[in-house]
């Protein structure tokens, strides 16, 4: 399925490959680096030619994300989420196109911030 498609006119960017997360990148305390593989197809299998960027979701439970960050760069493959309080977080990434149609979220990546 895809999120918020209007009558199937635009199926949105496809699921970005599973995101991965790692703590304390580049020596930054309480930060997480997310990496992902940008999609090259829409969810209907057609070539993705209008990728506009990525949305990063995170929160304390998988599928229940209280925070959202937008990365308006279609070539982005990583993002540092700074200033996280210690705890367990779940992260997911989705892609969106120039019409703001959003693809399916990646599977959640679980990470503990010390």
Protein backbone atom coordinates (compact mmCIF):
# COMPACT_ATOMS: atom_id res chain seq x y z
CA UNK A 1 0.00 0.00 0.00
CA UNK A 2 0.98 3.63 -0.30
CA UNK A 3 0.14 6.61 1.84
CA UNK A 4 -2.31 9.28 0.81
CA UNK A 5 -2.58 8.58 -2.89
CA UNK A 6 -5.39 10.53 -4.57
CA UNK A 7 -7.42 8.06 -6.59
CA UNK A 8 -4.27 6.28 -7.69
CA UNK A 9 -3.09 9.16 -9.84
CA UNK A 10 0.33 9.22 -8.20
CA UNK A 11 1.45 6.20 -6.27
CA UNK A 12 4.27 8.01 -4.54
CA UNK A 13 7.88 7.10 -4.12
CA UNK A 14 8.55 3.48 -3.32
CA UNK A 15 9.71 2.20 0.04
CA UNK A 16 13.28 3.27 0.62
CA UNK A 17 15.41 0.26 1.48
CA UNK A 18 15.68 -0.56 5.14
CA UNK A 19 17.24 2.21 7.13
CA UNK A 20 20.06 1.56 9.54
CA UNK A 21 21.06 3.62 12.54
CA UNK A 22 24.24 4.02 14.55
CA UNK A 23 25.00 6.07 17.66
CA UNK A 24 27.50 8.85 18.29
CA UNK A 25 28.67 9.49 14.71
CA UNK A 26 31.53 11.86 14.17
CA UNK A 27 32.03 12.07 17.93
CA UNK A 28 28.71 13.84 18.48
CA UNK A 29 27.20 12.91 21.82
CA UNK A 30 23.58 11.73 21.95
CA UNK A 31 23.20 11.74 18.19
CA UNK A 32 22.22 9.05 15.71
CA UNK A 33 23.25 8.64 12.07
CA UNK A 34 20.62 7.12 9.80
CA UNK A 35 21.62 5.70 6.44
CA UNK A 36 19.38 4.44 3.64
CA UNK A 37 19.35 3.53 -0.02
CA UNK A 38 17.24 5.92 -2.13
CA UNK A 39 14.51 4.21 -4.19
CA UNK A 40 14.55 4.23 -7.98
CA UNK A 41 10.97 3.07 -8.61
CA UNK A 42 7.49 4.22 -7.69
CA UNK A 43 5.31 1.83 -5.71
CA UNK A 44 3.59 0.83 -8.97
CA UNK A 45 6.95 -0.22 -10.46
CA UNK A 46 7.36 2.75 -12.80
CA UNK A 47 10.70 4.62 -12.83
CA UNK A 48 11.01 7.24 -10.11
CA UNK A 49 12.03 10.44 -11.90
CA UNK A 50 10.81 13.15 -9.49
CA UNK A 51 12.22 12.13 -6.11
CA UNK A 52 12.30 15.24 -3.91
CA UNK A 53 13.58 14.04 -0.55
CA UNK A 54 13.02 11.95 2.53
CA UNK A 55 11.05 12.07 5.74
CA UNK A 56 12.62 10.68 8.91
CA UNK A 57 10.30 9.52 11.66
CA UNK A 58 11.36 8.59 15.15
CA UNK A 59 9.94 7.94 18.57
CA UNK A 60 9.97 5.59 21.54
CA UNK A 61 7.84 2.86 19.93
CA UNK A 62 7.96 1.19 16.52
CA UNK A 63 5.24 2.57 14.29
CA UNK A 64 4.35 5.29 16.82
CA UNK A 65 6.65 8.13 15.87
CA UNK A 66 6.34 11.41 17.74
CA UNK A 67 8.94 13.30 15.68
CA UNK A 68 9.32 13.94 11.96
CA UNK A 69 12.22 15.54 10.12
CA UNK A 70 12.22 16.41 6.44
CA UNK A 71 15.35 16.11 4.28
CA UNK A 72 14.58 17.96 1.02
CA UNK A 73 17.53 16.43 -0.84
CA UNK A 74 16.83 13.59 -3.28
CA UNK A 75 20.48 12.51 -3.28
CA UNK A 76 20.71 12.21 0.52
CA UNK A 77 21.72 8.81 1.86
CA UNK A 78 22.43 9.72 5.47
CA UNK A 79 21.25 12.13 8.13
CA UNK A 80 22.41 12.89 11.67
CA UNK A 81 19.67 13.29 14.27
CA UNK A 82 21.28 15.40 17.05
CA UNK A 83 20.56 16.05 20.71
CA UNK A 84 18.64 12.92 21.65
CA UNK A 85 17.94 12.19 25.29
CA UNK A 86 19.18 8.79 26.50
CA UNK A 87 16.70 6.01 25.78
CA UNK A 88 15.48 3.56 23.15
CA UNK A 89 14.38 4.99 19.82
CA UNK A 90 12.84 3.60 16.66
CA UNK A 91 13.56 5.24 13.31
CA UNK A 92 11.93 4.90 9.90
CA UNK A 93 12.56 6.65 6.58
CA UNK A 94 10.19 7.32 3.70
CA UNK A 95 10.74 9.02 0.36
CA UNK A 96 8.56 11.72 -1.18
CA UNK A 97 8.31 13.10 -4.70
CA UNK A 98 7.87 16.60 -6.12
CA UNK A 99 4.08 16.30 -5.71
CA UNK A 100 4.62 15.55 -2.01
CA UNK A 101 3.31 12.01 -2.50
CA UNK A 102 4.96 9.93 0.19
CA UNK A 103 6.06 6.32 -0.12
CA UNK A 104 5.88 3.55 2.42
CA UNK A 105 8.02 3.87 5.53
CA UNK A 106 11.04 1.60 5.87
CA UNK A 107 11.07 -1.09 8.51
CA UNK A 108 11.93 0.47 11.87
CA UNK A 109 15.53 0.56 13.05
CA UNK A 110 15.87 0.23 16.86
CA UNK A 111 18.67 2.01 18.67
CA UNK A 112 19.63 2.78 22.24
CA UNK A 113 21.10 6.20 22.94
CA UNK A 114 23.33 6.14 26.03
